[in-house]
Amino acid sequence: MSKDNFFKRFLQRINIFKRSSRPSASPATNKEMLAKLVRMVNDTDEIEISCDDVLDLLDQYVELEARGENVAHLLPLVKKHLERCRDCYEEYEALERVFEATALQN
């Protein structure tokens, strides 16, 4: 990941932290949110793909997985993103259910 991309993602995460912190929040809550931010920054890899990129590849990912292919080897960045991003993982689960239901009908 380029330095510009790293700092852009870092600033996005800080903005999430700022929006979610409230002046009336307890010091413990602020500490928890800060710890979460630090974990998120620490989990950032040199090379990552965006949610949009993952969603573009999700149908291929599900098909490969259904065929028994090693998706961790073929699409490692997608797999890693799905492990970290709850929203994309939920999209993956929904697409997987649709794919399975379609496969059963055929």
PDB file of N, CA and C in Angstrom:
ATOM      1  N   MET A   1       0.859  -1.164   0.000  1.00  0.00           N
ATOM      2  CA  MET A   1       0.000   0.000   0.000  1.00  0.00           C
ATOM      3  C   MET A   1       0.902   1.222   0.000  1.00  0.00           C
ATOM      4  N   SER A   2       0.581   2.215  -0.805  1.00  0.00           N
ATOM      5  CA  SER A   2       1.385   3.429  -0.839  1.00  0.00           C
ATOM      6  C   SER A   2       1.190   4.216   0.446  1.00  0.00           C
ATOM      7  N   LYS A   3       2.142   5.108   0.711  1.00  0.00           N
ATOM      8  CA  LYS A   3       2.041   5.932   1.915  1.00  0.00           C
ATOM      9  C   LYS A   3       0.775   6.780   1.875  1.00  0.00           C
ATOM     10  N   ASP A   4       0.439   7.293   0.696  1.00  0.00           N
ATOM     11  CA  ASP A   4      -0.767   8.112   0.567  1.00  0.00           C
ATOM     12  C   ASP A   4      -2.004   7.305   0.930  1.00  0.00           C
ATOM     13  N   ASN A   5      -2.072   6.063   0.448  1.00  0.00           N
ATOM     14  CA  ASN A   5      -3.219   5.206   0.737  1.00  0.00           C
ATOM     15  C   ASN A   5      -3.284   4.886   2.227  1.00  0.00           C
ATOM     16  N   PHE A   6      -2.133   4.616   2.844  1.00  0.00           N
ATOM     17  CA  PHE A   6      -2.102   4.313   4.270  1.00  0.00           C
ATOM     18  C   PHE A   6      -2.640   5.493   5.067  1.00  0.00           C
ATOM     19  N   PHE A   7      -2.165   6.694   4.760  1.00  0.00           N
ATOM     20  CA  PHE A   7      -2.609   7.861   5.520  1.00  0.00           C
ATOM     21  C   PHE A   7      -4.069   8.185   5.258  1.00  0.00           C
ATOM     22  N   LYS A   8      -4.526   7.953   4.045  1.00  0.00           N
ATOM     23  CA  LYS A   8      -5.934   8.182   3.734  1.00  0.00           C
ATOM     24  C   LYS A   8      -6.799   7.246   4.581  1.00  0.00           C
ATOM     25  N   ARG A   9      -6.438   5.946   4.636  1.00  0.00           N
ATOM     26  CA  ARG A   9      -7.201   4.991   5.435  1.00  0.00           C
ATOM     27  C   ARG A   9      -7.100   5.333   6.921  1.00  0.00           C
ATOM     28  N   PHE A  10      -5.933   5.765   7.357  1.00  0.00           N
ATOM     29  CA  PHE A  10      -5.745   6.132   8.753  1.00  0.00           C
ATOM     30  C   PHE A  10      -6.661   7.298   9.119  1.00  0.00           C
ATOM     31  N   LEU A  11      -6.708   8.308   8.257  1.00  0.00           N
ATOM     32  CA  LEU A  11      -7.571   9.460   8.521  1.00  0.00           C
ATOM     33  C   LEU A  11      -9.042   9.073   8.503  1.00  0.00           C
ATOM     34  N   GLN A  12      -9.424   8.155   7.619  1.00  0.00           N
ATOM     35  CA  GLN A  12     -10.807   7.687   7.600  1.00  0.00           C
ATOM     36  C   GLN A  12     -11.152   7.017   8.921  1.00  0.00           C
ATOM     37  N   ARG A  13     -10.240   6.230   9.433  1.00  0.00           N
ATOM     38  CA  ARG A  13     -10.491   5.534  10.700  1.00  0.00           C
ATOM     39  C   ARG A  13     -10.541   6.521  11.856  1.00  0.00           C
ATOM     40  N   ILE A  14      -9.722   7.539  11.819  1.00  0.00           N
ATOM     41  CA  ILE A  14      -9.775   8.556  12.872  1.00  0.00           C
ATOM     42  C   ILE A  14     -11.108   9.290  12.812  1.00  0.00           C
ATOM     43  N   ASN A  15     -11.588   9.592  11.621  1.00  0.00           N
ATOM     44  CA  ASN A  15     -12.871  10.275  11.488  1.00  0.00           C
ATOM     45  C   ASN A  15     -14.006   9.417  12.035  1.00  0.00           C
ATOM     46  N   ILE A  16     -13.942   8.101  11.828  1.00  0.00           N
ATOM     47  CA  ILE A  16     -14.943   7.203  12.410  1.00  0.00           C
ATOM     48  C   ILE A  16     -14.885   7.312  13.923  1.00  0.00           C
ATOM     49  N   PHE A  17     -13.672   7.336  14.453  1.00  0.00           N
ATOM     50  CA  PHE A  17     -13.490   7.442  15.898  1.00  0.00           C
ATOM     51  C   PHE A  17     -14.056   8.765  16.417  1.00  0.00           C
ATOM     52  N   LYS A  18     -13.780   9.861  15.711  1.00  0.00           N
ATOM     53  CA  LYS A  18     -14.271  11.172  16.148  1.00  0.00           C
ATOM     54  C   LYS A  18     -15.799  11.220  16.146  1.00  0.00           C
ATOM     55  N   ARG A  19     -16.407  10.667  15.082  1.00  0.00           N
ATOM     56  CA  ARG A  19     -17.871  10.714  14.985  1.00  0.00           C
ATOM     57  C   ARG A  19     -18.526   9.890  16.075  1.00  0.00           C
ATOM     58  N   SER A  20     -17.868   8.799  16.458  1.00  0.00           N
ATOM     59  CA  SER A  20     -18.500   7.923  17.432  1.00  0.00           C
ATOM     60  C   SER A  20     -18.213   8.328  18.874  1.00  0.00           C
ATOM     61  N   SER A  21     -17.226   9.195  19.086  1.00  0.00           N
ATOM     62  CA  SER A  21     -16.959   9.609  20.469  1.00  0.00           C
ATOM     63  C   SER A  21     -17.845  10.798  20.808  1.00  0.00           C
ATOM     64  N   ARG A  22     -18.404  10.752  21.980  1.00  0.00           N
ATOM     65  CA  ARG A  22     -19.286  11.820  22.419  1.00  0.00           C
ATOM     66  C   ARG A  22     -18.657  12.473  23.635  1.00  0.00           C
ATOM     67  N   PRO A  23     -18.852  13.794  23.799  1.00  0.00           N
ATOM     68  CA  PRO A  23     -18.289  14.447  24.969  1.00  0.00           C
ATOM     69  C   PRO A  23     -18.771  13.824  26.268  1.00  0.00           C
ATOM     70  N   SER A  24     -19.984  13.280  26.255  1.00  0.00           N
ATOM     71  CA  SER A  24     -20.533  12.700  27.474  1.00  0.00           C
ATOM     72  C   SER A  24     -20.095  11.253  27.686  1.00  0.00           C
ATOM     73  N   ALA A  25     -19.335  10.703  26.738  1.00  0.00           N
ATOM     74  CA  ALA A  25     -18.895   9.314  26.868  1.00  0.00           C
ATOM     75  C   ALA A  25     -17.947   9.181  28.053  1.00  0.00           C
ATOM     76  N   SER A  26     -18.034   8.055  28.702  1.00  0.00           N
ATOM     77  CA  SER A  26     -17.178   7.827  29.867  1.00  0.00           C
ATOM     78  C   SER A  26     -15.736   7.641  29.414  1.00  0.00           C
ATOM     79  N   PRO A  27     -14.786   7.910  30.294  1.00  0.00           N
ATOM     80  CA  PRO A  27     -13.378   7.683  29.939  1.00  0.00           C
ATOM     81  C   PRO A  27     -13.114   6.234  29.524  1.00  0.00           C
ATOM     82  N   ALA A  28     -13.825   5.281  30.139  1.00  0.00           N
ATOM     83  CA  ALA A  28     -13.640   3.876  29.784  1.00  0.00           C
ATOM     84  C   ALA A  28     -14.090   3.628  28.345  1.00  0.00           C
ATOM     85  N   THR A  29     -15.214   4.243  27.947  1.00  0.00           N
ATOM     86  CA  THR A  29     -15.714   4.097  26.581  1.00  0.00           C
ATOM     87  C   THR A  29     -14.724   4.693  25.593  1.00  0.00           C
ATOM     88  N   ASN A  30     -14.204   5.880  25.908  1.00  0.00           N
ATOM     89  CA  ASN A  30     -13.215   6.500  25.035  1.00  0.00           C
ATOM     90  C   ASN A  30     -11.957   5.645  24.937  1.00  0.00           C
ATOM     91  N   LYS A  31     -11.550   5.033  26.029  1.00  0.00           N
ATOM     92  CA  LYS A  31     -10.380   4.150  26.017  1.00  0.00           C
ATOM     93  C   LYS A  31     -10.628   2.942  25.126  1.00  0.00           C
ATOM     94  N   GLU A  32     -11.834   2.369  25.226  1.00  0.00           N
ATOM     95  CA  GLU A  32     -12.178   1.215  24.399  1.00  0.00           C
ATOM     96  C   GLU A  32     -12.155   1.594  22.926  1.00  0.00           C
ATOM     97  N   MET A  33     -12.703   2.744  22.594  1.00  0.00           N
ATOM     98  CA  MET A  33     -12.743   3.185  21.202  1.00  0.00           C
ATOM     99  C   MET A  33     -11.334   3.472  20.691  1.00  0.00           C
ATOM    100  N   LEU A  34     -10.498   4.048  21.523  1.00  0.00           N
ATOM    101  CA  LEU A  34      -9.122   4.297  21.128  1.00  0.00           C
ATOM    102  C   LEU A  34      -8.380   2.976  20.920  1.00  0.00           C
ATOM    103  N   ALA A  35      -8.605   2.013  21.805  1.00  0.00           N
ATOM    104  CA  ALA A  35      -7.976   0.700  21.656  1.00  0.00           C
ATOM    105  C   ALA A  35      -8.423   0.037  20.356  1.00  0.00           C
ATOM    106  N   LYS A  36      -9.703   0.171  20.025  1.00  0.00           N
ATOM    107  CA  LYS A  36     -10.222  -0.389  18.774  1.00  0.00           C
ATOM    108  C   LYS A  36      -9.551   0.273  17.579  1.00  0.00           C
ATOM    109  N   LEU A  37      -9.386   1.588  17.623  1.00  0.00           N
ATOM    110  CA  LEU A  37      -8.726   2.310  16.539  1.00  0.00           C
ATOM    111  C   LEU A  37      -7.287   1.829  16.381  1.00  0.00           C
ATOM    112  N   VAL A  38      -6.590   1.666  17.477  1.00  0.00           N
ATOM    113  CA  VAL A  38      -5.207   1.203  17.420  1.00  0.00           C
ATOM    114  C   VAL A  38      -5.143  -0.202  16.814  1.00  0.00           C
ATOM    115  N   ARG A  39      -6.087  -1.097  17.195  1.00  0.00           N
ATOM    116  CA  ARG A  39      -6.124  -2.441  16.612  1.00  0.00           C
ATOM    117  C   ARG A  39      -6.386  -2.374  15.117  1.00  0.00           C
ATOM    118  N   MET A  40      -7.299  -1.495  14.700  1.00  0.00           N
ATOM    119  CA  MET A  40      -7.610  -1.363  13.282  1.00  0.00           C
ATOM    120  C   MET A  40      -6.390  -0.901  12.499  1.00  0.00           C
ATOM    121  N   VAL A  41      -5.681   0.075  13.039  1.00  0.00           N
ATOM    122  CA  VAL A  41      -4.483   0.574  12.364  1.00  0.00           C
ATOM    123  C   VAL A  41      -3.416  -0.516  12.344  1.00  0.00           C
ATOM    124  N   ASN A  42      -3.268  -1.228  13.438  1.00  0.00           N
ATOM    125  CA  ASN A  42      -2.278  -2.302  13.518  1.00  0.00           C
ATOM    126  C   ASN A  42      -2.593  -3.428  12.533  1.00  0.00           C
ATOM    127  N   ASP A  43      -3.874  -3.684  12.270  1.00  0.00           N
ATOM    128  CA  ASP A  43      -4.278  -4.742  11.352  1.00  0.00           C
ATOM    129  C   ASP A  43      -4.152  -4.355   9.885  1.00  0.00           C
ATOM    130  N   THR A  44      -3.824  -3.105   9.616  1.00  0.00           N
ATOM    131  CA  THR A  44      -3.683  -2.651   8.243  1.00  0.00           C
ATOM    132  C   THR A  44      -2.460  -3.304   7.616  1.00  0.00           C
ATOM    133  N   ASP A  45      -2.649  -3.880   6.440  1.00  0.00           N
ATOM    134  CA  ASP A  45      -1.559  -4.544   5.728  1.00  0.00           C
ATOM    135  C   ASP A  45      -0.946  -3.615   4.694  1.00  0.00           C
ATOM    136  N   GLU A  46       0.207  -4.019   4.226  1.00  0.00           N
ATOM    137  CA  GLU A  46       0.902  -3.267   3.181  1.00  0.00           C
ATOM    138  C   GLU A  46       0.041  -3.166   1.925  1.00  0.00           C
ATOM    139  N   ILE A  47      -0.609  -4.278   1.582  1.00  0.00           N
ATOM    140  CA  ILE A  47      -1.480  -4.310   0.396  1.00  0.00           C
ATOM    141  C   ILE A  47      -2.869  -4.721   0.851  1.00  0.00           C
ATOM    142  N   GLU A  48      -3.844  -3.899   0.547  1.00  0.00           N
ATOM    143  CA  GLU A  48      -5.236  -4.191   0.871  1.00  0.00           C
ATOM    144  C   GLU A  48      -6.108  -3.800  -0.302  1.00  0.00           C
ATOM    145  N   ILE A  49      -7.323  -4.335  -0.318  1.00  0.00           N
ATOM    146  CA  ILE A  49      -8.276  -3.917  -1.334  1.00  0.00           C
ATOM    147  C   ILE A  49      -9.498  -3.340  -0.637  1.00  0.00           C
ATOM    148  N   SER A  50     -10.195  -2.518  -1.365  1.00  0.00           N
ATOM    149  CA  SER A  50     -11.342  -1.808  -0.803  1.00  0.00           C
ATOM    150  C   SER A  50     -12.582  -2.691  -0.795  1.00  0.00           C
ATOM    151  N   CYS A  51     -13.582  -2.234  -0.083  1.00  0.00           N
ATOM    152  CA  CYS A  51     -14.870  -2.934  -0.065  1.00  0.00           C
ATOM    153  C   CYS A  51     -15.446  -3.022  -1.476  1.00  0.00           C
ATOM    154  N   ASP A  52     -15.328  -1.956  -2.252  1.00  0.00           N
ATOM    155  CA  ASP A  52     -15.842  -1.970  -3.625  1.00  0.00           C
ATOM    156  C   ASP A  52     -15.164  -3.054  -4.454  1.00  0.00           C
ATOM    157  N   ASP A  53     -13.846  -3.174  -4.303  1.00  0.00           N
ATOM    158  CA  ASP A  53     -13.111  -4.208  -5.038  1.00  0.00           C
ATOM    159  C   ASP A  53     -13.550  -5.601  -4.603  1.00  0.00           C
ATOM    160  N   VAL A  54     -13.741  -5.782  -3.311  1.00  0.00           N
ATOM    161  CA  VAL A  54     -14.186  -7.080  -2.796  1.00  0.00           C
ATOM    162  C   VAL A  54     -15.563  -7.416  -3.348  1.00  0.00           C
ATOM    163  N   LEU A  55     -16.475  -6.462  -3.318  1.00  0.00           N
ATOM    164  CA  LEU A  55     -17.831  -6.716  -3.809  1.00  0.00           C
ATOM    165  C   LEU A  55     -17.831  -7.037  -5.299  1.00  0.00           C
ATOM    166  N   ASP A  56     -16.904  -6.443  -6.051  1.00  0.00           N
ATOM    167  CA  ASP A  56     -16.785  -6.758  -7.479  1.00  0.00           C
ATOM    168  C   ASP A  56     -16.321  -8.196  -7.709  1.00  0.00           C
ATOM    169  N   LEU A  57     -15.543  -8.737  -6.788  1.00  0.00           N
ATOM    170  CA  LEU A  57     -14.982 -10.083  -6.933  1.00  0.00           C
ATOM    171  C   LEU A  57     -15.773 -11.159  -6.179  1.00  0.00           C
ATOM    172  N   LEU A  58     -16.758 -10.745  -5.434  1.00  0.00           N
ATOM    173  CA  LEU A  58     -17.445 -11.660  -4.534  1.00  0.00           C
ATOM    174  C   LEU A  58     -18.128 -12.818  -5.249  1.00  0.00           C
ATOM    175  N   ASP A  59     -18.739 -12.570  -6.389  1.00  0.00           N
ATOM    176  CA  ASP A  59     -19.394 -13.662  -7.112  1.00  0.00           C
ATOM    177  C   ASP A  59     -18.378 -14.708  -7.568  1.00  0.00           C
ATOM    178  N   GLN A  60     -17.227 -14.260  -8.045  1.00  0.00           N
ATOM    179  CA  GLN A  60     -16.170 -15.192  -8.441  1.00  0.00           C
ATOM    180  C   GLN A  60     -15.664 -15.972  -7.229  1.00  0.00           C
ATOM    181  N   TYR A  61     -15.515 -15.286  -6.120  1.00  0.00           N
ATOM    182  CA  TYR A  61     -15.031 -15.902  -4.888  1.00  0.00           C
ATOM    183  C   TYR A  61     -15.972 -17.030  -4.456  1.00  0.00           C
ATOM    184  N   VAL A  62     -17.271 -16.742  -4.442  1.00  0.00           N
ATOM    185  CA  VAL A  62     -18.267 -17.736  -4.017  1.00  0.00           C
ATOM    186  C   VAL A  62     -18.294 -18.921  -4.986  1.00  0.00           C
ATOM    187  N   GLU A  63     -18.200 -18.641  -6.280  1.00  0.00           N
ATOM    188  CA  GLU A  63     -18.197 -19.737  -7.261  1.00  0.00           C
ATOM    189  C   GLU A  63     -16.969 -20.619  -7.098  1.00  0.00           C
ATOM    190  N   LEU A  64     -15.812 -20.010  -6.945  1.00  0.00           N
ATOM    191  CA  LEU A  64     -14.580 -20.776  -6.744  1.00  0.00           C
ATOM    192  C   LEU A  64     -14.666 -21.629  -5.489  1.00  0.00           C
ATOM    193  N   GLU A  65     -15.170 -21.037  -4.432  1.00  0.00           N
ATOM    194  CA  GLU A  65     -15.310 -21.752  -3.173  1.00  0.00           C
ATOM    195  C   GLU A  65     -16.276 -22.932  -3.318  1.00  0.00           C
ATOM    196  N   ALA A  66     -17.378 -22.723  -4.035  1.00  0.00           N
ATOM    197  CA  ALA A  66     -18.375 -23.781  -4.233  1.00  0.00           C
ATOM    198  C   ALA A  66     -17.796 -24.942  -5.047  1.00  0.00           C
ATOM    199  N   ARG A  67     -16.859 -24.642  -5.939  1.00  0.00           N
ATOM    200  CA  ARG A  67     -16.211 -25.695  -6.738  1.00  0.00           C
ATOM    201  C   ARG A  67     -15.111 -26.403  -5.960  1.00  0.00           C
ATOM    202  N   GLY A  68     -14.854 -25.947  -4.741  1.00  0.00           N
ATOM    203  CA  GLY A  68     -13.823 -26.579  -3.926  1.00  0.00           C
ATOM    204  C   GLY A  68     -12.431 -26.024  -4.151  1.00  0.00           C
ATOM    205  N   GLU A  69     -12.348 -24.916  -4.848  1.00  0.00           N
ATOM    206  CA  GLU A  69     -11.043 -24.292  -5.102  1.00  0.00           C
ATOM    207  C   GLU A  69     -10.504 -23.683  -3.811  1.00  0.00           C
ATOM    208  N   ASN A  70      -9.204 -23.508  -3.767  1.00  0.00           N
ATOM    209  CA  ASN A  70      -8.545 -22.897  -2.617  1.00  0.00           C
ATOM    210  C   ASN A  70      -8.597 -21.371  -2.760  1.00  0.00           C
ATOM    211  N   VAL A  71      -9.672 -20.764  -2.257  1.00  0.00           N
ATOM    212  CA  VAL A  71      -9.849 -19.317  -2.413  1.00  0.00           C
ATOM    213  C   VAL A  71      -8.794 -18.528  -1.640  1.00  0.00           C
ATOM    214  N   ALA A  72      -8.282 -19.093  -0.560  1.00  0.00           N
ATOM    215  CA  ALA A  72      -7.232 -18.416   0.205  1.00  0.00           C
ATOM    216  C   ALA A  72      -5.988 -18.245  -0.652  1.00  0.00           C
ATOM    217  N   HIS A  73      -5.753 -19.190  -1.544  1.00  0.00           N
ATOM    218  CA  HIS A  73      -4.592 -19.115  -2.432  1.00  0.00           C
ATOM    219  C   HIS A  73      -4.897 -18.273  -3.676  1.00  0.00           C
ATOM    220  N   LEU A  74      -6.100 -18.438  -4.225  1.00  0.00           N
ATOM    221  CA  LEU A  74      -6.450 -17.748  -5.467  1.00  0.00           C
ATOM    222  C   LEU A  74      -6.789 -16.272  -5.267  1.00  0.00           C
ATOM    223  N   LEU A  75      -7.498 -15.960  -4.188  1.00  0.00           N
ATOM    224  CA  LEU A  75      -7.910 -14.579  -3.912  1.00  0.00           C
ATOM    225  C   LEU A  75      -7.602 -14.227  -2.448  1.00  0.00           C
ATOM    226  N   PRO A  76      -6.335 -14.210  -2.080  1.00  0.00           N
ATOM    227  CA  PRO A  76      -5.986 -14.012  -0.670  1.00  0.00           C
ATOM    228  C   PRO A  76      -6.410 -12.657  -0.108  1.00  0.00           C
ATOM    229  N   LEU A  77      -6.369 -11.625  -0.936  1.00  0.00           N
ATOM    230  CA  LEU A  77      -6.751 -10.299  -0.440  1.00  0.00           C
ATOM    231  C   LEU A  77      -8.249 -10.232  -0.148  1.00  0.00           C
ATOM    232  N   VAL A  78      -9.039 -10.918  -0.954  1.00  0.00           N
ATOM    233  CA  VAL A  78     -10.485 -10.954  -0.713  1.00  0.00           C
ATOM    234  C   VAL A  78     -10.757 -11.714   0.581  1.00  0.00           C
ATOM    235  N   LYS A  79     -10.106 -12.870   0.740  1.00  0.00           N
ATOM    236  CA  LYS A  79     -10.307 -13.667   1.950  1.00  0.00           C
ATOM    237  C   LYS A  79      -9.932 -12.870   3.192  1.00  0.00           C
ATOM    238  N   LYS A  80      -8.794 -12.209   3.159  1.00  0.00           N
ATOM    239  CA  LYS A  80      -8.344 -11.432   4.315  1.00  0.00           C
ATOM    240  C   LYS A  80      -9.318 -10.287   4.610  1.00  0.00           C
ATOM    241  N   HIS A  81      -9.806  -9.639   3.556  1.00  0.00           N
ATOM    242  CA  HIS A  81     -10.759  -8.541   3.732  1.00  0.00           C
ATOM    243  C   HIS A  81     -12.044  -9.059   4.378  1.00  0.00           C
ATOM    244  N   LEU A  82     -12.526 -10.202   3.914  1.00  0.00           N
ATOM    245  CA  LEU A  82     -13.753 -10.774   4.475  1.00  0.00           C
ATOM    246  C   LEU A  82     -13.588 -11.143   5.943  1.00  0.00           C
ATOM    247  N   GLU A  83     -12.390 -11.528   6.324  1.00  0.00           N
ATOM    248  CA  GLU A  83     -12.125 -11.862   7.724  1.00  0.00           C
ATOM    249  C   GLU A  83     -12.166 -10.626   8.617  1.00  0.00           C
ATOM    250  N   ARG A  84     -11.949  -9.468   8.037  1.00  0.00           N
ATOM    251  CA  ARG A  84     -11.860  -8.234   8.815  1.00  0.00           C
ATOM    252  C   ARG A  84     -13.068  -7.318   8.690  1.00  0.00           C
ATOM    253  N   CYS A  85     -13.816  -7.455   7.624  1.00  0.00           N
ATOM    254  CA  CYS A  85     -14.892  -6.490   7.338  1.00  0.00           C
ATOM    255  C   CYS A  85     -16.252  -7.169   7.499  1.00  0.00           C
ATOM    256  N   ARG A  86     -16.948  -6.805   8.535  1.00  0.00           N
ATOM    257  CA  ARG A  86     -18.253  -7.418   8.821  1.00  0.00           C
ATOM    258  C   ARG A  86     -19.268  -7.152   7.712  1.00  0.00           C
ATOM    259  N   ASP A  87     -19.284  -5.944   7.169  1.00  0.00           N
ATOM    260  CA  ASP A  87     -20.254  -5.610   6.123  1.00  0.00           C
ATOM    261  C   ASP A  87     -20.044  -6.474   4.874  1.00  0.00           C
ATOM    262  N   CYS A  88     -18.799  -6.586   4.440  1.00  0.00           N
ATOM    263  CA  CYS A  88     -18.519  -7.403   3.255  1.00  0.00           C
ATOM    264  C   CYS A  88     -18.778  -8.875   3.536  1.00  0.00           C
ATOM    265  N   TYR A  89     -18.482  -9.309   4.758  1.00  0.00           N
ATOM    266  CA  TYR A  89     -18.734 -10.707   5.111  1.00  0.00           C
ATOM    267  C   TYR A  89     -20.230 -11.015   5.072  1.00  0.00           C
ATOM    268  N   GLU A  90     -21.047 -10.077   5.503  1.00  0.00           N
ATOM    269  CA  GLU A  90     -22.493 -10.272   5.436  1.00  0.00           C
ATOM    270  C   GLU A  90     -22.968 -10.371   3.990  1.00  0.00           C
ATOM    271  N   GLU A  91     -22.383  -9.569   3.106  1.00  0.00           N
ATOM    272  CA  GLU A  91     -22.701  -9.657   1.674  1.00  0.00           C
ATOM    273  C   GLU A  91     -22.282 -11.015   1.125  1.00  0.00           C
ATOM    274  N   TYR A  92     -21.110 -11.478   1.564  1.00  0.00           N
ATOM    275  CA  TYR A  92     -20.613 -12.793   1.156  1.00  0.00           C
ATOM    276  C   TYR A  92     -21.585 -13.887   1.590  1.00  0.00           C
ATOM    277  N   GLU A  93     -22.021 -13.843   2.837  1.00  0.00           N
ATOM    278  CA  GLU A  93     -22.948 -14.859   3.338  1.00  0.00           C
ATOM    279  C   GLU A  93     -24.257 -14.859   2.550  1.00  0.00           C
ATOM    280  N   ALA A  94     -24.765 -13.677   2.245  1.00  0.00           N
ATOM    281  CA  ALA A  94     -26.017 -13.574   1.490  1.00  0.00           C
ATOM    282  C   ALA A  94     -25.847 -14.152   0.088  1.00  0.00           C
ATOM    283  N   LEU A  95     -24.751 -13.800  -0.557  1.00  0.00           N
ATOM    284  CA  LEU A  95     -24.491 -14.309  -1.908  1.00  0.00           C
ATOM    285  C   LEU A  95     -24.282 -15.822  -1.880  1.00  0.00           C
ATOM    286  N   GLU A  96     -23.629 -16.310  -0.862  1.00  0.00           N
ATOM    287  CA  GLU A  96     -23.408 -17.747  -0.714  1.00  0.00           C
ATOM    288  C   GLU A  96     -24.749 -18.487  -0.578  1.00  0.00           C
ATOM    289  N   ARG A  97     -25.666 -17.927   0.203  1.00  0.00           N
ATOM    290  CA  ARG A  97     -26.998 -18.545   0.366  1.00  0.00           C
ATOM    291  C   ARG A  97     -27.755 -18.556  -0.961  1.00  0.00           C
ATOM    292  N   VAL A  98     -27.676 -17.461  -1.702  1.00  0.00           N
ATOM    293  CA  VAL A  98     -28.352 -17.399  -3.004  1.00  0.00           C
ATOM    294  C   VAL A  98     -27.742 -18.415  -3.955  1.00  0.00           C
ATOM    295  N   PHE A  99     -26.436 -18.491  -3.960  1.00  0.00           N
ATOM    296  CA  PHE A  99     -25.741 -19.433  -4.838  1.00  0.00           C
ATOM    297  C   PHE A  99     -26.129 -20.876  -4.506  1.00  0.00           C
ATOM    298  N   GLU A 100     -26.163 -21.208  -3.229  1.00  0.00           N
ATOM    299  CA  GLU A 100     -26.529 -22.562  -2.787  1.00  0.00           C
ATOM    300  C   GLU A 100     -27.981 -22.871  -3.167  1.00  0.00           C
ATOM    301  N   ALA A 101     -28.881 -21.916  -2.969  1.00  0.00           N
ATOM    302  CA  ALA A 101     -30.282 -22.119  -3.305  1.00  0.00           C
ATOM    303  C   ALA A 101     -30.459 -22.317  -4.808  1.00  0.00           C
ATOM    304  N   THR A 102     -29.731 -21.571  -5.592  1.00  0.00           N
ATOM    305  CA  THR A 102     -29.788 -21.696  -7.055  1.00  0.00           C
ATOM    306  C   THR A 102     -29.241 -23.037  -7.494  1.00  0.00           C
ATOM    307  N   ALA A 103     -28.152 -23.473  -6.856  1.00  0.00           N
ATOM    308  CA  ALA A 103     -27.529 -24.753  -7.207  1.00  0.00           C
ATOM    309  C   ALA A 103     -28.483 -25.911  -6.886  1.00  0.00           C
ATOM    310  N   LEU A 104     -29.233 -25.801  -5.814  1.00  0.00           N
ATOM    311  CA  LEU A 104     -30.180 -26.853  -5.434  1.00  0.00           C
ATOM    312  C   LEU A 104     -31.337 -26.959  -6.429  1.00  0.00           C
ATOM    313  N   GLN A 105     -31.718 -25.832  -7.028  1.00  0.00           N
ATOM    314  CA  GLN A 105     -32.832 -25.817  -7.984  1.00  0.00           C
ATOM    315  C   GLN A 105     -32.425 -26.433  -9.321  1.00  0.00           C
ATOM    316  N   ASN A 106     -31.155 -26.398  -9.627  1.00  0.00           N
ATOM    317  CA  ASN A 106     -30.693 -26.920 -10.933  1.00  0.00           C
ATOM    318  C   ASN A 106     -30.419 -28.366 -10.901  1.00  0.00           C
TER     319      ASN A 106
END
